[in-house]
C-alpha atoms as a PDB file:
ATOM      1  CA  MET A   1     -24.670 -15.601 -63.519  1.00  0.00           C
ATOM      2  CA  ARG A   2     -23.516 -12.174 -64.646  1.00  0.00           C
ATOM      3  CA  ARG A   3     -23.547 -10.942 -61.025  1.00  0.00           C
ATOM      4  CA  LEU A   4     -21.441 -13.893 -59.954  1.00  0.00           C
ATOM      5  CA  LEU A   5     -18.867 -13.097 -62.629  1.00  0.00           C
ATOM      6  CA  CYS A   6     -18.804  -9.423 -61.547  1.00  0.00           C
ATOM      7  CA  VAL A   7     -18.286 -10.409 -57.906  1.00  0.00           C
ATOM      8  CA  ALA A   8     -15.517 -12.826 -58.887  1.00  0.00           C
ATOM      9  CA  ALA A   9     -13.835 -10.139 -60.993  1.00  0.00           C
ATOM     10  CA  LEU A  10     -14.001  -7.663 -58.103  1.00  0.00           C
ATOM     11  CA  LEU A  11     -12.450 -10.186 -55.748  1.00  0.00           C
ATOM     12  CA  VAL A  12      -9.621 -10.879 -58.168  1.00  0.00           C
ATOM     13  CA  CYS A  13      -8.977  -7.132 -58.527  1.00  0.00           C
ATOM     14  CA  ALA A  14      -8.952  -6.719 -54.750  1.00  0.00           C
ATOM     15  CA  ALA A  15      -6.501  -9.584 -54.199  1.00  0.00           C
ATOM     16  CA  PRO A  16      -3.339  -7.456 -54.504  1.00  0.00           C
ATOM     17  CA  ALA A  17      -4.687  -5.001 -51.928  1.00  0.00           C
ATOM     18  CA  ILE A  18      -5.664  -7.823 -49.601  1.00  0.00           C
ATOM     19  CA  GLY A  19      -2.243  -9.385 -50.105  1.00  0.00           C
ATOM     20  CA  GLN A  20      -0.562  -6.190 -48.935  1.00  0.00           C
ATOM     21  CA  GLU A  21      -2.022  -6.145 -45.424  1.00  0.00           C
ATOM     22  CA  VAL A  22       0.863  -5.559 -43.045  1.00  0.00           C
ATOM     23  CA  PRO A  23       0.544  -5.900 -39.252  1.00  0.00           C
ATOM     24  CA  GLU A  24       0.623  -2.682 -37.195  1.00  0.00           C
ATOM     25  CA  PRO A  25       3.877  -3.536 -35.359  1.00  0.00           C
ATOM     26  CA  THR A  26       5.593  -3.995 -38.726  1.00  0.00           C
ATOM     27  CA  ARG A  27       4.216  -0.703 -40.055  1.00  0.00           C
ATOM     28  CA  LYS A  28       5.522   0.990 -36.891  1.00  0.00           C
ATOM     29  CA  ASP A  29       8.960  -0.626 -37.261  1.00  0.00           C
ATOM     30  CA  PHE A  30       9.158   0.544 -40.865  1.00  0.00           C
ATOM     31  CA  TRP A  31       7.920   4.092 -40.201  1.00  0.00           C
ATOM     32  CA  CYS A  32      10.258   4.582 -37.254  1.00  0.00           C
ATOM     33  CA  GLY A  33      13.180   3.043 -39.145  1.00  0.00           C
ATOM     34  CA  VAL A  34      12.666   5.404 -42.057  1.00  0.00           C
ATOM     35  CA  ALA A  35      12.290   8.411 -39.730  1.00  0.00           C
ATOM     36  CA  PHE A  36      15.491   7.582 -37.843  1.00  0.00           C
ATOM     37  CA  ASP A  37      17.321   6.902 -41.097  1.00  0.00           C
ATOM     38  CA  MET A  38      16.306  10.329 -42.417  1.00  0.00           C
ATOM     39  CA  ALA A  39      17.539  12.017 -39.249  1.00  0.00           C
ATOM     40  CA  ALA A  40      20.808  10.078 -39.085  1.00  0.00           C
ATOM     41  CA  ARG A  41      21.722  10.645 -42.718  1.00  0.00           C
ATOM     42  CA  ASP A  42      22.164  14.370 -42.075  1.00  0.00           C
ATOM     43  CA  VAL A  43      24.953  13.761 -39.555  1.00  0.00           C
ATOM     44  CA  PRO A  44      28.373  14.056 -41.211  1.00  0.00           C
ATOM     45  CA  VAL A  45      30.642  11.028 -40.857  1.00  0.00           C
ATOM     46  CA  ASP A  46      33.371  13.319 -39.551  1.00  0.00           C
ATOM     47  CA  ALA A  47      31.162  14.787 -36.819  1.00  0.00           C
ATOM     48  CA  ALA A  48      32.559  15.076 -33.310  1.00  0.00           C
ATOM     49  CA  ALA A  49      32.806  11.823 -31.381  1.00  0.00           C
ATOM     50  CA  GLU A  50      30.242  13.105 -28.883  1.00  0.00           C
ATOM     51  CA  VAL A  51      27.724  13.671 -31.673  1.00  0.00           C
ATOM     52  CA  LEU A  52      28.368  10.269 -33.249  1.00  0.00           C
ATOM     53  CA  SER A  53      28.027   8.517 -29.900  1.00  0.00           C
ATOM     54  CA  VAL A  54      24.497   9.932 -29.646  1.00  0.00           C
ATOM     55  CA  THR A  55      23.440   9.458 -33.272  1.00  0.00           C
ATOM     56  CA  ASP A  56      25.009   6.068 -34.061  1.00  0.00           C
ATOM     57  CA  PRO A  57      22.506   4.046 -32.003  1.00  0.00           C
ATOM     58  CA  TYR A  58      19.674   5.666 -33.973  1.00  0.00           C
ATOM     59  CA  LYS A  59      21.435   5.073 -37.292  1.00  0.00           C
ATOM     60  CA  LYS A  60      22.017   1.394 -36.468  1.00  0.00           C
ATOM     61  CA  GLY A  61      18.529   1.125 -35.009  1.00  0.00           C
ATOM     62  CA  ALA A  62      17.033   2.530 -38.210  1.00  0.00           C
ATOM     63  CA  GLN A  63      18.695  -0.224 -40.225  1.00  0.00           C
ATOM     64  CA  THR A  64      17.535  -2.862 -37.745  1.00  0.00           C
ATOM     65  CA  LEU A  65      13.920  -1.676 -37.890  1.00  0.00           C
ATOM     66  CA  ILE A  66      13.850  -1.479 -41.682  1.00  0.00           C
ATOM     67  CA  GLU A  67      15.543  -4.877 -42.072  1.00  0.00           C
ATOM     68  CA  ARG A  68      13.104  -6.390 -39.563  1.00  0.00           C
ATOM     69  CA  SER A  69      10.068  -5.036 -41.407  1.00  0.00           C
ATOM     70  CA  LYS A  70      11.155  -5.610 -45.014  1.00  0.00           C
ATOM     71  CA  PRO A  71      10.655  -9.398 -45.162  1.00  0.00           C
ATOM     72  CA  ILE A  72       7.138  -9.015 -43.806  1.00  0.00           C
ATOM     73  CA  TYR A  73       6.307  -6.431 -46.460  1.00  0.00           C
ATOM     74  CA  LEU A  74       7.714  -8.747 -49.131  1.00  0.00           C
ATOM     75  CA  GLU A  75       5.751 -11.715 -47.752  1.00  0.00           C
ATOM     76  CA  SER A  76       2.639  -9.531 -47.818  1.00  0.00           C
ATOM     77  CA  GLY A  77       2.907  -9.087 -51.572  1.00  0.00           C
ATOM     78  CA  TYR A  78       5.250  -6.142 -52.063  1.00  0.00           C
ATOM     79  CA  THR A  79       7.948  -6.536 -54.680  1.00  0.00           C
ATOM     80  CA  GLU A  80      11.417  -5.087 -54.110  1.00  0.00           C
ATOM     81  CA  GLU A  81      10.482  -2.202 -56.404  1.00  0.00           C
ATOM     82  CA  ALA A  82       7.170  -1.577 -54.640  1.00  0.00           C
ATOM     83  CA  PHE A  83       8.906  -1.682 -51.257  1.00  0.00           C
ATOM     84  CA  GLU A  84      11.485   0.912 -52.357  1.00  0.00           C
ATOM     85  CA  ALA A  85       8.730   3.091 -53.837  1.00  0.00           C
ATOM     86  CA  PHE A  86       6.814   2.797 -50.563  1.00  0.00           C
ATOM     87  CA  ARG A  87       9.947   3.792 -48.667  1.00  0.00           C
ATOM     88  CA  THR A  88      10.288   6.910 -50.824  1.00  0.00           C
ATOM     89  CA  GLU A  89       6.605   7.740 -50.295  1.00  0.00           C
ATOM     90  CA  THR A  90       7.026   7.242 -46.549  1.00  0.00           C
ATOM     91  CA  GLU A  91      10.057   9.556 -46.454  1.00  0.00           C
ATOM     92  CA  THR A  92       8.080  12.226 -48.300  1.00  0.00           C
ATOM     93  CA  ALA A  93       5.129  11.850 -45.927  1.00  0.00           C
ATOM     94  CA  ILE A  94       7.334  11.970 -42.824  1.00  0.00           C
ATOM     95  CA  ALA A  95       9.114  15.099 -44.072  1.00  0.00           C
ATOM     96  CA  ALA A  96       5.750  16.794 -44.721  1.00  0.00           C
ATOM     97  CA  GLU A  97       4.387  15.764 -41.330  1.00  0.00           C
ATOM     98  CA  LEU A  98       7.450  17.028 -39.469  1.00  0.00           C
ATOM     99  CA  ALA A  99       7.494  20.321 -41.381  1.00  0.00           C
ATOM    100  CA  SER A 100       3.797  21.024 -40.904  1.00  0.00           C
ATOM    101  CA  THR A 101       2.220  23.086 -38.157  1.00  0.00           C
ATOM    102  CA  ASP A 102      -1.201  21.632 -38.983  1.00  0.00           C
ATOM    103  CA  PRO A 103      -2.280  19.309 -36.128  1.00  0.00           C
ATOM    104  CA  ALA A 104      -4.093  17.126 -38.678  1.00  0.00           C
ATOM    105  CA  LEU A 105      -0.725  16.254 -40.237  1.00  0.00           C
ATOM    106  CA  ARG A 106       1.045  15.137 -37.098  1.00  0.00           C
ATOM    107  CA  PRO A 107       3.432  12.186 -37.436  1.00  0.00           C
ATOM    108  CA  ASP A 108       2.078   8.664 -37.053  1.00  0.00           C
ATOM    109  CA  TYR A 109       4.396   7.964 -34.134  1.00  0.00           C
ATOM    110  CA  SER A 110       6.283  10.074 -31.614  1.00  0.00           C
ATOM    111  CA  PHE A 111      10.015  10.108 -31.073  1.00  0.00           C
ATOM    112  CA  GLU A 112       9.385   8.314 -27.791  1.00  0.00           C
ATOM    113  CA  ASP A 113       7.304   5.599 -29.521  1.00  0.00           C
ATOM    114  CA  CYS A 114      10.130   4.966 -31.959  1.00  0.00           C
ATOM    115  CA  ALA A 115      12.971   5.173 -29.444  1.00  0.00           C
ATOM    116  CA  ALA A 116      11.194   2.576 -27.295  1.00  0.00           C
ATOM    117  CA  LEU A 117      11.467   0.109 -30.206  1.00  0.00           C
ATOM    118  CA  LEU A 118      15.232   0.431 -29.908  1.00  0.00           C
ATOM    119  CA  GLY A 119      15.317   0.311 -26.140  1.00  0.00           C
ATOM    120  CA  LEU A 120      16.642   3.874 -25.999  1.00  0.00           C
END
């Protein structure tokens, strides 16, 4: 009986983790959206028209990818606060991956992988 109670308690503790399983395409949408958002936020709003014509599709695409992934994260058990915290963690991880020369810390997805999601 005691073992059964321990197993039940472990399953209850694991439920939040199980509830946060997110499909790979959604994780890719989110990661790429955050990466593009980080890149686009450094472009000044008063940049030359030629620059904005290149960067605007990525800025808009970033929003589309994040907005497409967010409901799935929320349905998977993330709260608004947890989703925003995860976004911050993802930004930090992406920045570290892009700044690193260590091959073990390469980004999860390539620029080409992400651009393909936007049809660019």
